[in-house]
PDB file of N, CA and C in Angstrom:
ATOM      1  N   MET A   1      15.561   7.290  28.280  1.00  0.00           N
ATOM      2  CA  MET A   1      14.380   6.961  27.518  1.00  0.00           C
ATOM      3  C   MET A   1      14.569   7.455  26.076  1.00  0.00           C
ATOM      4  N   ALA A   2      14.333   6.582  25.120  1.00  0.00           N
ATOM      5  CA  ALA A   2      14.503   6.930  23.708  1.00  0.00           C
ATOM      6  C   ALA A   2      13.349   7.804  23.234  1.00  0.00           C
ATOM      7  N   ARG A   3      13.696   8.773  22.434  1.00  0.00           N
ATOM      8  CA  ARG A   3      12.685   9.665  21.865  1.00  0.00           C
ATOM      9  C   ARG A   3      12.130   9.099  20.581  1.00  0.00           C
ATOM     10  N   ARG A   4      10.848   9.152  20.419  1.00  0.00           N
ATOM     11  CA  ARG A   4      10.220   8.725  19.174  1.00  0.00           C
ATOM     12  C   ARG A   4      10.218   9.886  18.198  1.00  0.00           C
ATOM     13  N   THR A   5      10.552   9.566  16.969  1.00  0.00           N
ATOM     14  CA  THR A   5      10.507  10.591  15.943  1.00  0.00           C
ATOM     15  C   THR A   5       9.408  10.245  14.947  1.00  0.00           C
ATOM     16  N   LYS A   6       8.787  11.247  14.435  1.00  0.00           N
ATOM     17  CA  LYS A   6       7.730  11.051  13.458  1.00  0.00           C
ATOM     18  C   LYS A   6       8.362  10.789  12.099  1.00  0.00           C
ATOM     19  N   ARG A   7       7.993   9.661  11.492  1.00  0.00           N
ATOM     20  CA  ARG A   7       8.532   9.351  10.166  1.00  0.00           C
ATOM     21  C   ARG A   7       7.750  10.109   9.112  1.00  0.00           C
ATOM     22  N   LEU A   8       8.464  10.602   8.151  1.00  0.00           N
ATOM     23  CA  LEU A   8       7.838  11.311   7.044  1.00  0.00           C
ATOM     24  C   LEU A   8       8.019  10.482   5.784  1.00  0.00           C
ATOM     25  N   TRP A   9       6.921  10.193   5.112  1.00  0.00           N
ATOM     26  CA  TRP A   9       6.932   9.404   3.886  1.00  0.00           C
ATOM     27  C   TRP A   9       6.757  10.339   2.709  1.00  0.00           C
ATOM     28  N   THR A  10       7.563  10.158   1.680  1.00  0.00           N
ATOM     29  CA  THR A  10       7.396  10.961   0.470  1.00  0.00           C
ATOM     30  C   THR A  10       6.178  10.454  -0.289  1.00  0.00           C
ATOM     31  N   ASP A  11       5.695  11.282  -1.209  1.00  0.00           N
ATOM     32  CA  ASP A  11       4.540  10.879  -2.018  1.00  0.00           C
ATOM     33  C   ASP A  11       4.860   9.627  -2.835  1.00  0.00           C
ATOM     34  N   GLU A  12       6.080   9.543  -3.339  1.00  0.00           N
ATOM     35  CA  GLU A  12       6.467   8.375  -4.142  1.00  0.00           C
ATOM     36  C   GLU A  12       6.500   7.102  -3.285  1.00  0.00           C
ATOM     37  N   GLU A  13       6.966   7.210  -2.049  1.00  0.00           N
ATOM     38  CA  GLU A  13       6.977   6.049  -1.147  1.00  0.00           C
ATOM     39  C   GLU A  13       5.553   5.602  -0.828  1.00  0.00           C
ATOM     40  N   LYS A  14       4.665   6.557  -0.607  1.00  0.00           N
ATOM     41  CA  LYS A  14       3.265   6.226  -0.326  1.00  0.00           C
ATOM     42  C   LYS A  14       2.634   5.527  -1.523  1.00  0.00           C
ATOM     43  N   ARG A  15       2.887   6.047  -2.736  1.00  0.00           N
ATOM     44  CA  ARG A  15       2.345   5.405  -3.941  1.00  0.00           C
ATOM     45  C   ARG A  15       2.867   3.982  -4.085  1.00  0.00           C
ATOM     46  N   SER A  16       4.144   3.795  -3.829  1.00  0.00           N
ATOM     47  CA  SER A  16       4.756   2.474  -3.942  1.00  0.00           C
ATOM     48  C   SER A  16       4.139   1.492  -2.950  1.00  0.00           C
ATOM     49  N   ILE A  17       3.957   1.929  -1.725  1.00  0.00           N
ATOM     50  CA  ILE A  17       3.368   1.064  -0.697  1.00  0.00           C
ATOM     51  C   ILE A  17       1.919   0.744  -1.047  1.00  0.00           C
ATOM     52  N   CYS A  18       1.162   1.739  -1.476  1.00  0.00           N
ATOM     53  CA  CYS A  18      -0.245   1.514  -1.844  1.00  0.00           C
ATOM     54  C   CYS A  18      -0.350   0.605  -3.061  1.00  0.00           C
ATOM     55  N   PHE A  19       0.557   0.736  -4.009  1.00  0.00           N
ATOM     56  CA  PHE A  19       0.532  -0.111  -5.200  1.00  0.00           C
ATOM     57  C   PHE A  19       0.746  -1.577  -4.830  1.00  0.00           C
ATOM     58  N   GLN A  20       1.582  -1.844  -3.827  1.00  0.00           N
ATOM     59  CA  GLN A  20       1.844  -3.214  -3.405  1.00  0.00           C
ATOM     60  C   GLN A  20       0.611  -3.886  -2.821  1.00  0.00           C
ATOM     61  N   THR A  21      -0.319  -3.113  -2.271  1.00  0.00           N
ATOM     62  CA  THR A  21      -1.531  -3.700  -1.696  1.00  0.00           C
ATOM     63  C   THR A  21      -2.489  -4.187  -2.773  1.00  0.00           C
ATOM     64  N   ALA A  22      -2.310  -3.733  -4.003  1.00  0.00           N
ATOM     65  CA  ALA A  22      -3.215  -4.101  -5.090  1.00  0.00           C
ATOM     66  C   ALA A  22      -2.847  -5.428  -5.733  1.00  0.00           C
ATOM     67  N   ALA A  23      -1.711  -5.992  -5.376  1.00  0.00           N
ATOM     68  CA  ALA A  23      -1.288  -7.271  -5.970  1.00  0.00           C
ATOM     69  C   ALA A  23      -2.213  -8.389  -5.484  1.00  0.00           C
ATOM     70  N   PRO A  24      -2.519  -9.351  -6.361  1.00  0.00           N
ATOM     71  CA  PRO A  24      -3.390 -10.449  -5.957  1.00  0.00           C
ATOM     72  C   PRO A  24      -2.750 -11.278  -4.844  1.00  0.00           C
ATOM     73  N   GLY A  25      -3.534 -11.585  -3.827  1.00  0.00           N
ATOM     74  CA  GLY A  25      -3.071 -12.434  -2.738  1.00  0.00           C
ATOM     75  C   GLY A  25      -2.269 -11.717  -1.669  1.00  0.00           C
ATOM     76  N   VAL A  26      -2.148 -10.405  -1.766  1.00  0.00           N
ATOM     77  CA  VAL A  26      -1.390  -9.629  -0.781  1.00  0.00           C
ATOM     78  C   VAL A  26      -2.374  -8.792   0.033  1.00  0.00           C
ATOM     79  N   SER A  27      -2.247  -8.853   1.347  1.00  0.00           N
ATOM     80  CA  SER A  27      -3.144  -8.075   2.203  1.00  0.00           C
ATOM     81  C   SER A  27      -2.455  -6.785   2.644  1.00  0.00           C
ATOM     82  N   VAL A  28      -3.267  -5.843   3.062  1.00  0.00           N
ATOM     83  CA  VAL A  28      -2.742  -4.573   3.555  1.00  0.00           C
ATOM     84  C   VAL A  28      -1.914  -4.834   4.811  1.00  0.00           C
ATOM     85  N   ALA A  29      -2.328  -5.780   5.632  1.00  0.00           N
ATOM     86  CA  ALA A  29      -1.594  -6.091   6.858  1.00  0.00           C
ATOM     87  C   ALA A  29      -0.186  -6.607   6.547  1.00  0.00           C
ATOM     88  N   GLN A  30      -0.050  -7.401   5.506  1.00  0.00           N
ATOM     89  CA  GLN A  30       1.271  -7.905   5.125  1.00  0.00           C
ATOM     90  C   GLN A  30       2.194  -6.760   4.717  1.00  0.00           C
ATOM     91  N   VAL A  31       1.670  -5.855   3.915  1.00  0.00           N
ATOM     92  CA  VAL A  31       2.474  -4.714   3.459  1.00  0.00           C
ATOM     93  C   VAL A  31       2.817  -3.822   4.648  1.00  0.00           C
ATOM     94  N   ALA A  32       1.866  -3.635   5.557  1.00  0.00           N
ATOM     95  CA  ALA A  32       2.107  -2.802   6.734  1.00  0.00           C
ATOM     96  C   ALA A  32       3.232  -3.385   7.590  1.00  0.00           C
ATOM     97  N   ARG A  33       3.233  -4.694   7.772  1.00  0.00           N
ATOM     98  CA  ARG A  33       4.309  -5.323   8.549  1.00  0.00           C
ATOM     99  C   ARG A  33       5.653  -5.168   7.847  1.00  0.00           C
ATOM    100  N   ARG A  34       5.649  -5.274   6.524  1.00  0.00           N
ATOM    101  CA  ARG A  34       6.889  -5.150   5.750  1.00  0.00           C
ATOM    102  C   ARG A  34       7.557  -3.791   5.980  1.00  0.00           C
ATOM    103  N   TYR A  35       6.745  -2.745   6.132  1.00  0.00           N
ATOM    104  CA  TYR A  35       7.282  -1.397   6.289  1.00  0.00           C
ATOM    105  C   TYR A  35       7.177  -0.876   7.723  1.00  0.00           C
ATOM    106  N   ALA A  36       6.745  -1.723   8.656  1.00  0.00           N
ATOM    107  CA  ALA A  36       6.580  -1.342  10.066  1.00  0.00           C
ATOM    108  C   ALA A  36       5.683  -0.115  10.197  1.00  0.00           C
ATOM    109  N   VAL A  37       4.541  -0.189   9.525  1.00  0.00           N
ATOM    110  CA  VAL A  37       3.551   0.889   9.524  1.00  0.00           C
ATOM    111  C   VAL A  37       2.230   0.293   9.998  1.00  0.00           C
ATOM    112  N   ASN A  38       1.426   1.097  10.654  1.00  0.00           N
ATOM    113  CA  ASN A  38       0.106   0.652  11.047  1.00  0.00           C
ATOM    114  C   ASN A  38      -0.764   0.502   9.795  1.00  0.00           C
ATOM    115  N   ALA A  39      -1.522  -0.584   9.719  1.00  0.00           N
ATOM    116  CA  ALA A  39      -2.367  -0.840   8.546  1.00  0.00           C
ATOM    117  C   ALA A  39      -3.395   0.272   8.339  1.00  0.00           C
ATOM    118  N   ASN A  40      -3.856   0.878   9.420  1.00  0.00           N
ATOM    119  CA  ASN A  40      -4.829   1.964   9.279  1.00  0.00           C
ATOM    120  C   ASN A  40      -4.257   3.149   8.518  1.00  0.00           C
ATOM    121  N   LEU A  41      -2.970   3.383   8.654  1.00  0.00           N
ATOM    122  CA  LEU A  41      -2.339   4.469   7.913  1.00  0.00           C
ATOM    123  C   LEU A  41      -2.354   4.174   6.414  1.00  0.00           C
ATOM    124  N   ILE A  42      -2.106   2.915   6.047  1.00  0.00           N
ATOM    125  CA  ILE A  42      -2.143   2.550   4.628  1.00  0.00           C
ATOM    126  C   ILE A  42      -3.564   2.672   4.092  1.00  0.00           C
ATOM    127  N   PHE A  43      -4.557   2.262   4.874  1.00  0.00           N
ATOM    128  CA  PHE A  43      -5.950   2.421   4.434  1.00  0.00           C
ATOM    129  C   PHE A  43      -6.280   3.905   4.235  1.00  0.00           C
ATOM    130  N   LYS A  44      -5.738   4.762   5.068  1.00  0.00           N
ATOM    131  CA  LYS A  44      -5.951   6.210   4.920  1.00  0.00           C
ATOM    132  C   LYS A  44      -5.332   6.689   3.608  1.00  0.00           C
ATOM    133  N   TRP A  45      -4.119   6.229   3.311  1.00  0.00           N
ATOM    134  CA  TRP A  45      -3.470   6.593   2.051  1.00  0.00           C
ATOM    135  C   TRP A  45      -4.265   6.080   0.862  1.00  0.00           C
ATOM    136  N   LEU A  46      -4.836   4.884   0.968  1.00  0.00           N
ATOM    137  CA  LEU A  46      -5.593   4.300  -0.144  1.00  0.00           C
ATOM    138  C   LEU A  46      -6.858   5.093  -0.449  1.00  0.00           C
ATOM    139  N   ARG A  47      -7.416   5.762   0.555  1.00  0.00           N
ATOM    140  CA  ARG A  47      -8.603   6.598   0.324  1.00  0.00           C
ATOM    141  C   ARG A  47      -8.249   7.890  -0.401  1.00  0.00           C
ATOM    142  N   ASP A  48      -6.987   8.284  -0.359  1.00  0.00           N
ATOM    143  CA  ASP A  48      -6.540   9.509  -1.006  1.00  0.00           C
ATOM    144  C   ASP A  48      -6.276   9.220  -2.489  1.00  0.00           C
ATOM    145  N   PRO A  49      -6.923   9.930  -3.407  1.00  0.00           N
ATOM    146  CA  PRO A  49      -6.747   9.648  -4.841  1.00  0.00           C
ATOM    147  C   PRO A  49      -5.316   9.856  -5.346  1.00  0.00           C
ATOM    148  N   ARG A  50      -4.500  10.612  -4.620  1.00  0.00           N
ATOM    149  CA  ARG A  50      -3.107  10.805  -5.049  1.00  0.00           C
ATOM    150  C   ARG A  50      -2.286   9.527  -4.928  1.00  0.00           C
ATOM    151  N   TYR A  51      -2.657   8.653  -3.983  1.00  0.00           N
ATOM    152  CA  TYR A  51      -1.842   7.473  -3.708  1.00  0.00           C
ATOM    153  C   TYR A  51      -2.521   6.163  -4.088  1.00  0.00           C
ATOM    154  N   ALA A  52      -3.814   6.179  -4.295  1.00  0.00           N
ATOM    155  CA  ALA A  52      -4.530   4.949  -4.622  1.00  0.00           C
ATOM    156  C   ALA A  52      -4.031   4.387  -5.949  1.00  0.00           C
ATOM    157  N   PRO A  53      -3.787   3.085  -6.004  1.00  0.00           N
ATOM    158  CA  PRO A  53      -3.301   2.500  -7.260  1.00  0.00           C
ATOM    159  C   PRO A  53      -4.370   2.569  -8.344  1.00  0.00           C
ATOM    160  N   ASP A  54      -3.933   2.791  -9.558  1.00  0.00           N
ATOM    161  CA  ASP A  54      -4.825   2.848 -10.712  1.00  0.00           C
ATOM    162  C   ASP A  54      -5.300   1.427 -11.025  1.00  0.00           C
ATOM    163  N   PRO A  55      -6.611   1.174 -11.026  1.00  0.00           N
ATOM    164  CA  PRO A  55      -7.097  -0.188 -11.263  1.00  0.00           C
ATOM    165  C   PRO A  55      -6.684  -0.754 -12.622  1.00  0.00           C
ATOM    166  N   THR A  56      -6.454   0.093 -13.605  1.00  0.00           N
ATOM    167  CA  THR A  56      -6.081  -0.415 -14.925  1.00  0.00           C
ATOM    168  C   THR A  56      -4.622  -0.842 -14.987  1.00  0.00           C
ATOM    169  N   SER A  57      -3.788  -0.321 -14.062  1.00  0.00           N
ATOM    170  CA  SER A  57      -2.367  -0.668 -14.089  1.00  0.00           C
ATOM    171  C   SER A  57      -2.059  -1.953 -13.329  1.00  0.00           C
ATOM    172  N   VAL A  58      -3.015  -2.453 -12.557  1.00  0.00           N
ATOM    173  CA  VAL A  58      -2.802  -3.670 -11.781  1.00  0.00           C
ATOM    174  C   VAL A  58      -3.141  -4.871 -12.648  1.00  0.00           C
ATOM    175  N   ALA A  59      -2.226  -5.802 -12.735  1.00  0.00           N
ATOM    176  CA  ALA A  59      -2.454  -7.001 -13.548  1.00  0.00           C
ATOM    177  C   ALA A  59      -3.475  -7.905 -12.868  1.00  0.00           C
ATOM    178  N   ARG A  60      -4.480  -8.317 -13.613  1.00  0.00           N
ATOM    179  CA  ARG A  60      -5.496  -9.222 -13.087  1.00  0.00           C
ATOM    180  C   ARG A  60      -5.267 -10.612 -13.649  1.00  0.00           C
ATOM    181  N   PRO A  61      -5.582 -11.643 -12.866  1.00  0.00           N
ATOM    182  CA  PRO A  61      -5.438 -12.986 -13.410  1.00  0.00           C
ATOM    183  C   PRO A  61      -6.414 -13.213 -14.556  1.00  0.00           C
ATOM    184  N   ALA A  62      -5.981 -13.910 -15.560  1.00  0.00           N
ATOM    185  CA  ALA A  62      -6.808 -14.132 -16.752  1.00  0.00           C
ATOM    186  C   ALA A  62      -7.979 -15.047 -16.425  1.00  0.00           C
ATOM    187  N   GLU A  63      -9.163 -14.634 -16.828  1.00  0.00           N
ATOM    188  CA  GLU A  63     -10.359 -15.439 -16.573  1.00  0.00           C
ATOM    189  C   GLU A  63     -10.397 -16.677 -17.458  1.00  0.00           C
ATOM    190  N   GLU A  64      -9.844 -16.560 -18.665  1.00  0.00           N
ATOM    191  CA  GLU A  64      -9.895 -17.713 -19.567  1.00  0.00           C
ATOM    192  C   GLU A  64      -8.945 -18.833 -19.154  1.00  0.00           C
ATOM    193  N   ALA A  65      -8.044 -18.566 -18.222  1.00  0.00           N
ATOM    194  CA  ALA A  65      -7.124 -19.597 -17.764  1.00  0.00           C
ATOM    195  C   ALA A  65      -7.814 -20.609 -16.882  1.00  0.00           C
ATOM    196  N   ARG A  66      -8.987 -20.260 -16.393  1.00  0.00           N
ATOM    197  CA  ARG A  66      -9.721 -21.161 -15.493  1.00  0.00           C
ATOM    198  C   ARG A  66     -10.488 -22.174 -16.221  1.00  0.00           C
TER     199      ARG A  66
END
């Protein structure tokens, strides 16, 4: 029987994963599948101010383009 090991994520990896969820059209579930992580864990990281993406650093689609 294979032993499960607990994965440890660095703060920089958590920030990177959380930042990817802020992109337009990308869901937390998609990012979670990409990294084989439970989506609830990413939501937990997003609630932590150390890892939550800065809203000003995320590019928003231009309103005047519409």
